[in-house]
Amino acid sequence: MAWVYLVAAGILEIVWAYAMKQSHGFTRGVPAAITLVTMIGSFALLSLAMRTLPLGTAYTIWTGMGAIGAFLLGIFVLDEIANPMRVAAAALIVAGLIVMKLSATA
C-alpha cells in the first residue's frame, strides 16, 4: 500500500507544481487554492508512504515523479523546449528512479 500512497503523492506533486505556475505567483485565486490543497494532500500521502518505505527511497521517488511530471507538462501543455540536453537530463532522472525502485527493500 505504501507504493500506492507514494505514486498518488507524486501525482499530486505534479498537479500542485502546475497549479502554482498557473497561479502567477499566487495572484490568481483558484490555481493558488488548488496548489495549497494538492500540496497538503501530497505531503500527507508521502508521510503515509514513509511509514513503510525508507526515507531516501520515498523522497527520491516523490521528487523524481514531480520533476518528470512537471517537465512533461511543460513540454506538452505549456509548449516549453524539449531539446536533446533537457530530454537526456530527464532520462537520467527516470533511470535513477528505476534503480531506486529496484533497490527498495519495502
PDB file of N, CA and C in Angstrom:
ATOM      1  N   MET A   1       0.819  -1.195   0.000  1.00  0.00           N
ATOM      2  CA  MET A   1       0.000   0.000   0.000  1.00  0.00           C
ATOM      3  C   MET A   1       0.867   1.265   0.000  1.00  0.00           C
ATOM      4  N   ALA A   2       2.076   1.168   0.554  1.00  0.00           N
ATOM      5  CA  ALA A   2       2.965   2.324   0.619  1.00  0.00           C
ATOM      6  C   ALA A   2       3.294   2.857  -0.767  1.00  0.00           C
ATOM      7  N   TRP A   3       3.472   1.951  -1.723  1.00  0.00           N
ATOM      8  CA  TRP A   3       3.791   2.397  -3.083  1.00  0.00           C
ATOM      9  C   TRP A   3       2.601   3.098  -3.728  1.00  0.00           C
ATOM     10  N   VAL A   4       1.396   2.660  -3.419  1.00  0.00           N
ATOM     11  CA  VAL A   4       0.200   3.332  -3.937  1.00  0.00           C
ATOM     12  C   VAL A   4       0.135   4.753  -3.381  1.00  0.00           C
ATOM     13  N   TYR A   5       0.371   4.891  -2.074  1.00  0.00           N
ATOM     14  CA  TYR A   5       0.405   6.222  -1.462  1.00  0.00           C
ATOM     15  C   TYR A   5       1.471   7.093  -2.119  1.00  0.00           C
ATOM     16  N   LEU A   6       2.623   6.506  -2.365  1.00  0.00           N
ATOM     17  CA  LEU A   6       3.731   7.263  -2.926  1.00  0.00           C
ATOM     18  C   LEU A   6       3.429   7.732  -4.350  1.00  0.00           C
ATOM     19  N   VAL A   7       2.861   6.864  -5.157  1.00  0.00           N
ATOM     20  CA  VAL A   7       2.508   7.257  -6.528  1.00  0.00           C
ATOM     21  C   VAL A   7       1.439   8.347  -6.512  1.00  0.00           C
ATOM     22  N   ALA A   8       0.446   8.195  -5.645  1.00  0.00           N
ATOM     23  CA  ALA A   8      -0.595   9.224  -5.530  1.00  0.00           C
ATOM     24  C   ALA A   8       0.012  10.555  -5.072  1.00  0.00           C
ATOM     25  N   ALA A   9       0.942  10.495  -4.137  1.00  0.00           N
ATOM     26  CA  ALA A   9       1.627  11.707  -3.666  1.00  0.00           C
ATOM     27  C   ALA A   9       2.398  12.358  -4.805  1.00  0.00           C
ATOM     28  N   GLY A  10       3.046  11.546  -5.624  1.00  0.00           N
ATOM     29  CA  GLY A  10       3.791  12.069  -6.770  1.00  0.00           C
ATOM     30  C   GLY A  10       2.879  12.734  -7.793  1.00  0.00           C
ATOM     31  N   ILE A  11       1.732  12.134  -8.025  1.00  0.00           N
ATOM     32  CA  ILE A  11       0.767  12.732  -8.956  1.00  0.00           C
ATOM     33  C   ILE A  11       0.282  14.078  -8.422  1.00  0.00           C
ATOM     34  N   LEU A  12      -0.016  14.127  -7.128  1.00  0.00           N
ATOM     35  CA  LEU A  12      -0.442  15.397  -6.539  1.00  0.00           C
ATOM     36  C   LEU A  12       0.670  16.438  -6.588  1.00  0.00           C
ATOM     37  N   GLU A  13       1.907  15.996  -6.492  1.00  0.00           N
ATOM     38  CA  GLU A  13       3.019  16.941  -6.597  1.00  0.00           C
ATOM     39  C   GLU A  13       3.062  17.574  -7.990  1.00  0.00           C
ATOM     40  N   ILE A  14       2.805  16.777  -9.008  1.00  0.00           N
ATOM     41  CA  ILE A  14       2.759  17.300 -10.373  1.00  0.00           C
ATOM     42  C   ILE A  14       1.619  18.319 -10.506  1.00  0.00           C
ATOM     43  N   VAL A  15       0.473  17.978  -9.935  1.00  0.00           N
ATOM     44  CA  VAL A  15      -0.683  18.882 -10.007  1.00  0.00           C
ATOM     45  C   VAL A  15      -0.377  20.203  -9.316  1.00  0.00           C
ATOM     46  N   TRP A  16       0.216  20.140  -8.105  1.00  0.00           N
ATOM     47  CA  TRP A  16       0.462  21.408  -7.408  1.00  0.00           C
ATOM     48  C   TRP A  16       1.528  22.244  -8.096  1.00  0.00           C
ATOM     49  N   ALA A  17       2.499  21.602  -8.707  1.00  0.00           N
ATOM     50  CA  ALA A  17       3.521  22.379  -9.429  1.00  0.00           C
ATOM     51  C   ALA A  17       2.894  23.109 -10.618  1.00  0.00           C
ATOM     52  N   TYR A  18       2.037  22.415 -11.341  1.00  0.00           N
ATOM     53  CA  TYR A  18       1.362  23.031 -12.487  1.00  0.00           C
ATOM     54  C   TYR A  18       0.414  24.142 -12.013  1.00  0.00           C
ATOM     55  N   ALA A  19      -0.349  23.869 -10.970  1.00  0.00           N
ATOM     56  CA  ALA A  19      -1.277  24.879 -10.455  1.00  0.00           C
ATOM     57  C   ALA A  19      -0.520  26.100  -9.952  1.00  0.00           C
ATOM     58  N   MET A  20       0.648  25.878  -9.337  1.00  0.00           N
ATOM     59  CA  MET A  20       1.445  27.010  -8.871  1.00  0.00           C
ATOM     60  C   MET A  20       1.871  27.884 -10.044  1.00  0.00           C
ATOM     61  N   LYS A  21       2.278  27.263 -11.129  1.00  0.00           N
ATOM     62  CA  LYS A  21       2.650  28.020 -12.333  1.00  0.00           C
ATOM     63  C   LYS A  21       1.450  28.835 -12.821  1.00  0.00           C
ATOM     64  N   GLN A  22       0.280  28.208 -12.813  1.00  0.00           N
ATOM     65  CA  GLN A  22      -0.925  28.874 -13.290  1.00  0.00           C
ATOM     66  C   GLN A  22      -1.416  29.971 -12.340  1.00  0.00           C
ATOM     67  N   SER A  23      -0.966  29.944 -11.089  1.00  0.00           N
ATOM     68  CA  SER A  23      -1.413  30.948 -10.120  1.00  0.00           C
ATOM     69  C   SER A  23      -0.723  32.299 -10.316  1.00  0.00           C
ATOM     70  N   HIS A  24       0.324  32.316 -11.143  1.00  0.00           N
ATOM     71  CA  HIS A  24       1.077  33.549 -11.409  1.00  0.00           C
ATOM     72  C   HIS A  24       1.515  34.213 -10.109  1.00  0.00           C
ATOM     73  N   GLY A  25       2.261  33.455  -9.315  1.00  0.00           N
ATOM     74  CA  GLY A  25       2.772  33.995  -8.056  1.00  0.00           C
ATOM     75  C   GLY A  25       1.689  34.160  -6.997  1.00  0.00           C
ATOM     76  N   PHE A  26       0.734  33.267  -7.004  1.00  0.00           N
ATOM     77  CA  PHE A  26      -0.385  33.271  -6.056  1.00  0.00           C
ATOM     78  C   PHE A  26      -1.258  34.517  -6.189  1.00  0.00           C
ATOM     79  N   THR A  27      -1.341  35.061  -7.396  1.00  0.00           N
ATOM     80  CA  THR A  27      -2.210  36.219  -7.636  1.00  0.00           C
ATOM     81  C   THR A  27      -3.556  35.809  -8.214  1.00  0.00           C
ATOM     82  N   ARG A  28      -3.701  34.542  -8.600  1.00  0.00           N
ATOM     83  CA  ARG A  28      -4.972  34.023  -9.124  1.00  0.00           C
ATOM     84  C   ARG A  28      -5.499  33.010  -8.119  1.00  0.00           C
ATOM     85  N   GLY A  29      -6.702  33.259  -7.625  1.00  0.00           N
ATOM     86  CA  GLY A  29      -7.261  32.513  -6.501  1.00  0.00           C
ATOM     87  C   GLY A  29      -7.436  31.021  -6.684  1.00  0.00           C
ATOM     88  N   VAL A  30      -8.096  30.616  -7.758  1.00  0.00           N
ATOM     89  CA  VAL A  30      -8.394  29.188  -7.932  1.00  0.00           C
ATOM     90  C   VAL A  30      -7.120  28.358  -8.079  1.00  0.00           C
ATOM     91  N   PRO A  31      -6.202  28.725  -8.968  1.00  0.00           N
ATOM     92  CA  PRO A  31      -4.971  27.937  -9.045  1.00  0.00           C
ATOM     93  C   PRO A  31      -4.168  27.958  -7.743  1.00  0.00           C
ATOM     94  N   ALA A  32      -4.192  29.080  -7.037  1.00  0.00           N
ATOM     95  CA  ALA A  32      -3.484  29.153  -5.754  1.00  0.00           C
ATOM     96  C   ALA A  32      -4.100  28.194  -4.745  1.00  0.00           C
ATOM     97  N   ALA A  33      -5.426  28.136  -4.710  1.00  0.00           N
ATOM     98  CA  ALA A  33      -6.112  27.216  -3.794  1.00  0.00           C
ATOM     99  C   ALA A  33      -5.828  25.759  -4.165  1.00  0.00           C
ATOM    100  N   ILE A  34      -5.847  25.460  -5.461  1.00  0.00           N
ATOM    101  CA  ILE A  34      -5.529  24.099  -5.915  1.00  0.00           C
ATOM    102  C   ILE A  34      -4.108  23.741  -5.501  1.00  0.00           C
ATOM    103  N   THR A  35      -3.197  24.689  -5.647  1.00  0.00           N
ATOM    104  CA  THR A  35      -1.800  24.458  -5.237  1.00  0.00           C
ATOM    105  C   THR A  35      -1.739  24.053  -3.775  1.00  0.00           C
ATOM    106  N   LEU A  36      -2.355  24.819  -2.909  1.00  0.00           N
ATOM    107  CA  LEU A  36      -2.272  24.563  -1.466  1.00  0.00           C
ATOM    108  C   LEU A  36      -2.935  23.245  -1.079  1.00  0.00           C
ATOM    109  N   VAL A  37      -4.107  22.966  -1.630  1.00  0.00           N
ATOM    110  CA  VAL A  37      -4.826  21.733  -1.282  1.00  0.00           C
ATOM    111  C   VAL A  37      -4.061  20.503  -1.761  1.00  0.00           C
ATOM    112  N   THR A  38      -3.574  20.540  -3.009  1.00  0.00           N
ATOM    113  CA  THR A  38      -2.854  19.365  -3.523  1.00  0.00           C
ATOM    114  C   THR A  38      -1.487  19.215  -2.873  1.00  0.00           C
ATOM    115  N   MET A  39      -0.894  20.328  -2.463  1.00  0.00           N
ATOM    116  CA  MET A  39       0.385  20.262  -1.752  1.00  0.00           C
ATOM    117  C   MET A  39       0.203  19.548  -0.410  1.00  0.00           C
ATOM    118  N   ILE A  40      -0.822  19.926   0.312  1.00  0.00           N
ATOM    119  CA  ILE A  40      -1.102  19.279   1.605  1.00  0.00           C
ATOM    120  C   ILE A  40      -1.403  17.801   1.396  1.00  0.00           C
ATOM    121  N   GLY A  41      -2.211  17.488   0.388  1.00  0.00           N
ATOM    122  CA  GLY A  41      -2.519  16.087   0.095  1.00  0.00           C
ATOM    123  C   GLY A  41      -1.278  15.293  -0.272  1.00  0.00           C
ATOM    124  N   SER A  42      -0.407  15.897  -1.060  1.00  0.00           N
ATOM    125  CA  SER A  42       0.830  15.236  -1.468  1.00  0.00           C
ATOM    126  C   SER A  42       1.712  14.931  -0.262  1.00  0.00           C
ATOM    127  N   PHE A  43       1.872  15.922   0.621  1.00  0.00           N
ATOM    128  CA  PHE A  43       2.674  15.720   1.832  1.00  0.00           C
ATOM    129  C   PHE A  43       2.058  14.641   2.728  1.00  0.00           C
ATOM    130  N   ALA A  44       0.740  14.656   2.856  1.00  0.00           N
ATOM    131  CA  ALA A  44       0.061  13.665   3.702  1.00  0.00           C
ATOM    132  C   ALA A  44       0.280  12.256   3.170  1.00  0.00           C
ATOM    133  N   LEU A  45       0.120  12.085   1.862  1.00  0.00           N
ATOM    134  CA  LEU A  45       0.329  10.760   1.272  1.00  0.00           C
ATOM    135  C   LEU A  45       1.791  10.332   1.349  1.00  0.00           C
ATOM    136  N   LEU A  46       2.696  11.270   1.160  1.00  0.00           N
ATOM    137  CA  LEU A  46       4.119  10.951   1.308  1.00  0.00           C
ATOM    138  C   LEU A  46       4.408  10.477   2.727  1.00  0.00           C
ATOM    139  N   SER A  47       3.820  11.132   3.700  1.00  0.00           N
ATOM    140  CA  SER A  47       4.063  10.729   5.092  1.00  0.00           C
ATOM    141  C   SER A  47       3.529   9.323   5.356  1.00  0.00           C
ATOM    142  N   LEU A  48       2.406   8.973   4.748  1.00  0.00           N
ATOM    143  CA  LEU A  48       1.880   7.610   4.899  1.00  0.00           C
ATOM    144  C   LEU A  48       2.823   6.595   4.249  1.00  0.00           C
ATOM    145  N   ALA A  49       3.343   6.923   3.083  1.00  0.00           N
ATOM    146  CA  ALA A  49       4.280   6.021   2.397  1.00  0.00           C
ATOM    147  C   ALA A  49       5.545   5.822   3.217  1.00  0.00           C
ATOM    148  N   MET A  50       5.968   6.894   3.906  1.00  0.00           N
ATOM    149  CA  MET A  50       7.212   6.821   4.688  1.00  0.00           C
ATOM    150  C   MET A  50       7.071   5.988   5.963  1.00  0.00           C
ATOM    151  N   ARG A  51       5.861   5.592   6.300  1.00  0.00           N
ATOM    152  CA  ARG A  51       5.698   4.679   7.438  1.00  0.00           C
ATOM    153  C   ARG A  51       6.384   3.348   7.157  1.00  0.00           C
ATOM    154  N   THR A  52       6.414   2.976   5.882  1.00  0.00           N
ATOM    155  CA  THR A  52       6.975   1.682   5.485  1.00  0.00           C
ATOM    156  C   THR A  52       8.257   1.832   4.671  1.00  0.00           C
ATOM    157  N   LEU A  53       8.251   2.759   3.733  1.00  0.00           N
ATOM    158  CA  LEU A  53       9.387   2.905   2.827  1.00  0.00           C
ATOM    159  C   LEU A  53      10.514   3.705   3.479  1.00  0.00           C
ATOM    160  N   PRO A  54      11.753   3.396   3.121  1.00  0.00           N
ATOM    161  CA  PRO A  54      12.872   4.193   3.632  1.00  0.00           C
ATOM    162  C   PRO A  54      12.768   5.642   3.145  1.00  0.00           C
ATOM    163  N   LEU A  55      13.240   6.560   3.946  1.00  0.00           N
ATOM    164  CA  LEU A  55      13.212   7.979   3.624  1.00  0.00           C
ATOM    165  C   LEU A  55      13.830   8.259   2.258  1.00  0.00           C
ATOM    166  N   GLY A  56      15.035   7.752   2.043  1.00  0.00           N
ATOM    167  CA  GLY A  56      15.737   8.023   0.789  1.00  0.00           C
ATOM    168  C   GLY A  56      14.976   7.541  -0.431  1.00  0.00           C
ATOM    169  N   THR A  57      14.375   6.374  -0.331  1.00  0.00           N
ATOM    170  CA  THR A  57      13.599   5.832  -1.447  1.00  0.00           C
ATOM    171  C   THR A  57      12.343   6.653  -1.675  1.00  0.00           C
ATOM    172  N   ALA A  58      11.563   6.867  -0.631  1.00  0.00           N
ATOM    173  CA  ALA A  58      10.290   7.577  -0.765  1.00  0.00           C
ATOM    174  C   ALA A  58      10.496   8.995  -1.287  1.00  0.00           C
ATOM    175  N   TYR A  59      11.427   9.709  -0.688  1.00  0.00           N
ATOM    176  CA  TYR A  59      11.628  11.104  -1.076  1.00  0.00           C
ATOM    177  C   TYR A  59      12.180  11.221  -2.494  1.00  0.00           C
ATOM    178  N   THR A  60      13.089  10.334  -2.852  1.00  0.00           N
ATOM    179  CA  THR A  60      13.659  10.360  -4.198  1.00  0.00           C
ATOM    180  C   THR A  60      12.594  10.076  -5.254  1.00  0.00           C
ATOM    181  N   ILE A  61      11.787   9.064  -5.025  1.00  0.00           N
ATOM    182  CA  ILE A  61      10.725   8.728  -5.975  1.00  0.00           C
ATOM    183  C   ILE A  61       9.723   9.879  -6.073  1.00  0.00           C
ATOM    184  N   TRP A  62       9.343  10.447  -4.937  1.00  0.00           N
ATOM    185  CA  TRP A  62       8.370  11.540  -4.897  1.00  0.00           C
ATOM    186  C   TRP A  62       8.862  12.757  -5.672  1.00  0.00           C
ATOM    187  N   THR A  63      10.075  13.178  -5.385  1.00  0.00           N
ATOM    188  CA  THR A  63      10.604  14.357  -6.074  1.00  0.00           C
ATOM    189  C   THR A  63      10.869  14.064  -7.551  1.00  0.00           C
ATOM    190  N   GLY A  64      11.310  12.859  -7.840  1.00  0.00           N
ATOM    191  CA  GLY A  64      11.569  12.483  -9.231  1.00  0.00           C
ATOM    192  C   GLY A  64      10.295  12.458 -10.062  1.00  0.00           C
ATOM    193  N   MET A  65       9.235  11.906  -9.479  1.00  0.00           N
ATOM    194  CA  MET A  65       7.947  11.910 -10.179  1.00  0.00           C
ATOM    195  C   MET A  65       7.500  13.340 -10.451  1.00  0.00           C
ATOM    196  N   GLY A  66       7.652  14.190  -9.447  1.00  0.00           N
ATOM    197  CA  GLY A  66       7.271  15.587  -9.625  1.00  0.00           C
ATOM    198  C   GLY A  66       8.096  16.265 -10.701  1.00  0.00           C
ATOM    199  N   ALA A  67       9.382  16.006 -10.697  1.00  0.00           N
ATOM    200  CA  ALA A  67      10.272  16.632 -11.675  1.00  0.00           C
ATOM    201  C   ALA A  67       9.937  16.182 -13.098  1.00  0.00           C
ATOM    202  N   ILE A  68       9.779  14.899 -13.289  1.00  0.00           N
ATOM    203  CA  ILE A  68       9.479  14.381 -14.628  1.00  0.00           C
ATOM    204  C   ILE A  68       8.080  14.796 -15.063  1.00  0.00           C
ATOM    205  N   GLY A  69       7.127  14.724 -14.152  1.00  0.00           N
ATOM    206  CA  GLY A  69       5.764  15.141 -14.490  1.00  0.00           C
ATOM    207  C   GLY A  69       5.696  16.602 -14.874  1.00  0.00           C
ATOM    208  N   ALA A  70       6.375  17.456 -14.111  1.00  0.00           N
ATOM    209  CA  ALA A  70       6.401  18.881 -14.417  1.00  0.00           C
ATOM    210  C   ALA A  70       7.118  19.135 -15.745  1.00  0.00           C
ATOM    211  N   PHE A  71       8.181  18.403 -15.981  1.00  0.00           N
ATOM    212  CA  PHE A  71       8.914  18.510 -17.248  1.00  0.00           C
ATOM    213  C   PHE A  71       7.998  18.183 -18.429  1.00  0.00           C
ATOM    214  N   LEU A  72       7.268  17.070 -18.315  1.00  0.00           N
ATOM    215  CA  LEU A  72       6.378  16.657 -19.403  1.00  0.00           C
ATOM    216  C   LEU A  72       5.216  17.626 -19.587  1.00  0.00           C
ATOM    217  N   LEU A  73       4.632  18.095 -18.490  1.00  0.00           N
ATOM    218  CA  LEU A  73       3.566  19.099 -18.603  1.00  0.00           C
ATOM    219  C   LEU A  73       4.092  20.368 -19.263  1.00  0.00           C
ATOM    220  N   GLY A  74       5.288  20.755 -18.893  1.00  0.00           N
ATOM    221  CA  GLY A  74       5.887  21.932 -19.506  1.00  0.00           C
ATOM    222  C   GLY A  74       5.998  21.793 -21.008  1.00  0.00           C
ATOM    223  N   ILE A  75       6.408  20.625 -21.454  1.00  0.00           N
ATOM    224  CA  ILE A  75       6.576  20.391 -22.889  1.00  0.00           C
ATOM    225  C   ILE A  75       5.226  20.290 -23.597  1.00  0.00           C
ATOM    226  N   PHE A  76       4.349  19.433 -23.090  1.00  0.00           N
ATOM    227  CA  PHE A  76       3.112  19.121 -23.811  1.00  0.00           C
ATOM    228  C   PHE A  76       1.971  20.096 -23.578  1.00  0.00           C
ATOM    229  N   VAL A  77       1.983  20.798 -22.461  1.00  0.00           N
ATOM    230  CA  VAL A  77       0.883  21.723 -22.160  1.00  0.00           C
ATOM    231  C   VAL A  77       1.322  23.181 -22.294  1.00  0.00           C
ATOM    232  N   LEU A  78       2.532  23.476 -21.857  1.00  0.00           N
ATOM    233  CA  LEU A  78       2.995  24.861 -21.838  1.00  0.00           C
ATOM    234  C   LEU A  78       3.944  25.210 -22.984  1.00  0.00           C
ATOM    235  N   ASP A  79       4.141  24.275 -23.908  1.00  0.00           N
ATOM    236  CA  ASP A  79       4.993  24.490 -25.085  1.00  0.00           C
ATOM    237  C   ASP A  79       6.427  24.890 -24.739  1.00  0.00           C
ATOM    238  N   GLU A  80       6.965  24.278 -23.697  1.00  0.00           N
ATOM    239  CA  GLU A  80       8.361  24.526 -23.347  1.00  0.00           C
ATOM    240  C   GLU A  80       9.275  23.700 -24.269  1.00  0.00           C
ATOM    241  N   ILE A  81      10.519  24.069 -24.303  1.00  0.00           N
ATOM    242  CA  ILE A  81      11.501  23.440 -25.192  1.00  0.00           C
ATOM    243  C   ILE A  81      11.804  22.003 -24.747  1.00  0.00           C
ATOM    244  N   ALA A  82      11.920  21.122 -25.730  1.00  0.00           N
ATOM    245  CA  ALA A  82      12.322  19.736 -25.481  1.00  0.00           C
ATOM    246  C   ALA A  82      13.582  19.445 -26.276  1.00  0.00           C
ATOM    247  N   ASN A  83      14.653  20.179 -25.972  1.00  0.00           N
ATOM    248  CA  ASN A  83      15.888  19.956 -26.718  1.00  0.00           C
ATOM    249  C   ASN A  83      16.595  18.691 -26.209  1.00  0.00           C
ATOM    250  N   PRO A  84      17.550  18.196 -26.966  1.00  0.00           N
ATOM    251  CA  PRO A  84      18.201  16.930 -26.603  1.00  0.00           C
ATOM    252  C   PRO A  84      18.817  16.927 -25.199  1.00  0.00           C
ATOM    253  N   MET A  85      19.378  18.034 -24.776  1.00  0.00           N
ATOM    254  CA  MET A  85      20.008  18.074 -23.458  1.00  0.00           C
ATOM    255  C   MET A  85      18.965  17.950 -22.334  1.00  0.00           C
ATOM    256  N   ARG A  86      17.833  18.626 -22.468  1.00  0.00           N
ATOM    257  CA  ARG A  86      16.774  18.534 -21.463  1.00  0.00           C
ATOM    258  C   ARG A  86      16.183  17.128 -21.428  1.00  0.00           C
ATOM    259  N   VAL A  87      15.984  16.535 -22.602  1.00  0.00           N
ATOM    260  CA  VAL A  87      15.441  15.178 -22.667  1.00  0.00           C
ATOM    261  C   VAL A  87      16.433  14.186 -22.052  1.00  0.00           C
ATOM    262  N   ALA A  88      17.708  14.356 -22.316  1.00  0.00           N
ATOM    263  CA  ALA A  88      18.725  13.477 -21.726  1.00  0.00           C
ATOM    264  C   ALA A  88      18.739  13.611 -20.205  1.00  0.00           C
ATOM    265  N   ALA A  89      18.620  14.836 -19.709  1.00  0.00           N
ATOM    266  CA  ALA A  89      18.581  15.046 -18.256  1.00  0.00           C
ATOM    267  C   ALA A  89      17.369  14.349 -17.655  1.00  0.00           C
ATOM    268  N   ALA A  90      16.217  14.457 -18.310  1.00  0.00           N
ATOM    269  CA  ALA A  90      15.011  13.793 -17.825  1.00  0.00           C
ATOM    270  C   ALA A  90      15.182  12.270 -17.865  1.00  0.00           C
ATOM    271  N   ALA A  91      15.811  11.764 -18.892  1.00  0.00           N
ATOM    272  CA  ALA A  91      16.051  10.318 -18.998  1.00  0.00           C
ATOM    273  C   ALA A  91      16.944   9.830 -17.862  1.00  0.00           C
ATOM    274  N   LEU A  92      17.917  10.627 -17.481  1.00  0.00           N
ATOM    275  CA  LEU A  92      18.773  10.257 -16.351  1.00  0.00           C
ATOM    276  C   LEU A  92      17.984  10.218 -15.039  1.00  0.00           C
ATOM    277  N   ILE A  93      17.061  11.148 -14.879  1.00  0.00           N
ATOM    278  CA  ILE A  93      16.208  11.131 -13.680  1.00  0.00           C
ATOM    279  C   ILE A  93      15.369   9.864 -13.661  1.00  0.00           C
ATOM    280  N   VAL A  94      14.766   9.528 -14.795  1.00  0.00           N
ATOM    281  CA  VAL A  94      13.948   8.307 -14.876  1.00  0.00           C
ATOM    282  C   VAL A  94      14.801   7.079 -14.587  1.00  0.00           C
ATOM    283  N   ALA A  95      16.005   7.023 -15.132  1.00  0.00           N
ATOM    284  CA  ALA A  95      16.904   5.895 -14.859  1.00  0.00           C
ATOM    285  C   ALA A  95      17.200   5.800 -13.364  1.00  0.00           C
ATOM    286  N   GLY A  96      17.446   6.927 -12.735  1.00  0.00           N
ATOM    287  CA  GLY A  96      17.691   6.941 -11.288  1.00  0.00           C
ATOM    288  C   GLY A  96      16.488   6.451 -10.507  1.00  0.00           C
ATOM    289  N   LEU A  97      15.291   6.834 -10.936  1.00  0.00           N
ATOM    290  CA  LEU A  97      14.079   6.368 -10.249  1.00  0.00           C
ATOM    291  C   LEU A  97      13.910   4.863 -10.365  1.00  0.00           C
ATOM    292  N   ILE A  98      14.211   4.340 -11.540  1.00  0.00           N
ATOM    293  CA  ILE A  98      14.104   2.890 -11.755  1.00  0.00           C
ATOM    294  C   ILE A  98      15.090   2.158 -10.846  1.00  0.00           C
ATOM    295  N   VAL A  99      16.326   2.622 -10.802  1.00  0.00           N
ATOM    296  CA  VAL A  99      17.329   1.990  -9.949  1.00  0.00           C
ATOM    297  C   VAL A  99      16.920   2.098  -8.481  1.00  0.00           C
ATOM    298  N   MET A 100      16.403   3.247  -8.076  1.00  0.00           N
ATOM    299  CA  MET A 100      15.968   3.421  -6.683  1.00  0.00           C
ATOM    300  C   MET A 100      14.842   2.459  -6.346  1.00  0.00           C
ATOM    301  N   LYS A 101      13.875   2.300  -7.252  1.00  0.00           N
ATOM    302  CA  LYS A 101      12.764   1.367  -7.014  1.00  0.00           C
ATOM    303  C   LYS A 101      13.283  -0.062  -6.939  1.00  0.00           C
ATOM    304  N   LEU A 102      14.183  -0.420  -7.820  1.00  0.00           N
ATOM    305  CA  LEU A 102      14.722  -1.786  -7.816  1.00  0.00           C
ATOM    306  C   LEU A 102      15.539  -2.083  -6.559  1.00  0.00           C
ATOM    307  N   SER A 103      16.097  -1.047  -5.976  1.00  0.00           N
ATOM    308  CA  SER A 103      16.927  -1.248  -4.787  1.00  0.00           C
ATOM    309  C   SER A 103      16.120  -1.190  -3.492  1.00  0.00           C
ATOM    310  N   ALA A 104      14.843  -0.836  -3.574  1.00  0.00           N
ATOM    311  CA  ALA A 104      13.991  -0.695  -2.383  1.00  0.00           C
ATOM    312  C   ALA A 104      13.765  -2.050  -1.721  1.00  0.00           C
ATOM    313  N   THR A 105      13.749  -2.049  -0.411  1.00  0.00           N
ATOM    314  CA  THR A 105      13.523  -3.295   0.323  1.00  0.00           C
ATOM    315  C   THR A 105      12.075  -3.473   0.740  1.00  0.00           C
ATOM    316  N   ALA A 106      11.299  -2.402   0.745  1.00  0.00           N
ATOM    317  CA  ALA A 106       9.895  -2.494   1.178  1.00  0.00           C
ATOM    318  C   ALA A 106       8.980  -2.611  -0.014  1.00  0.00           C
TER     319      ALA A 106
END
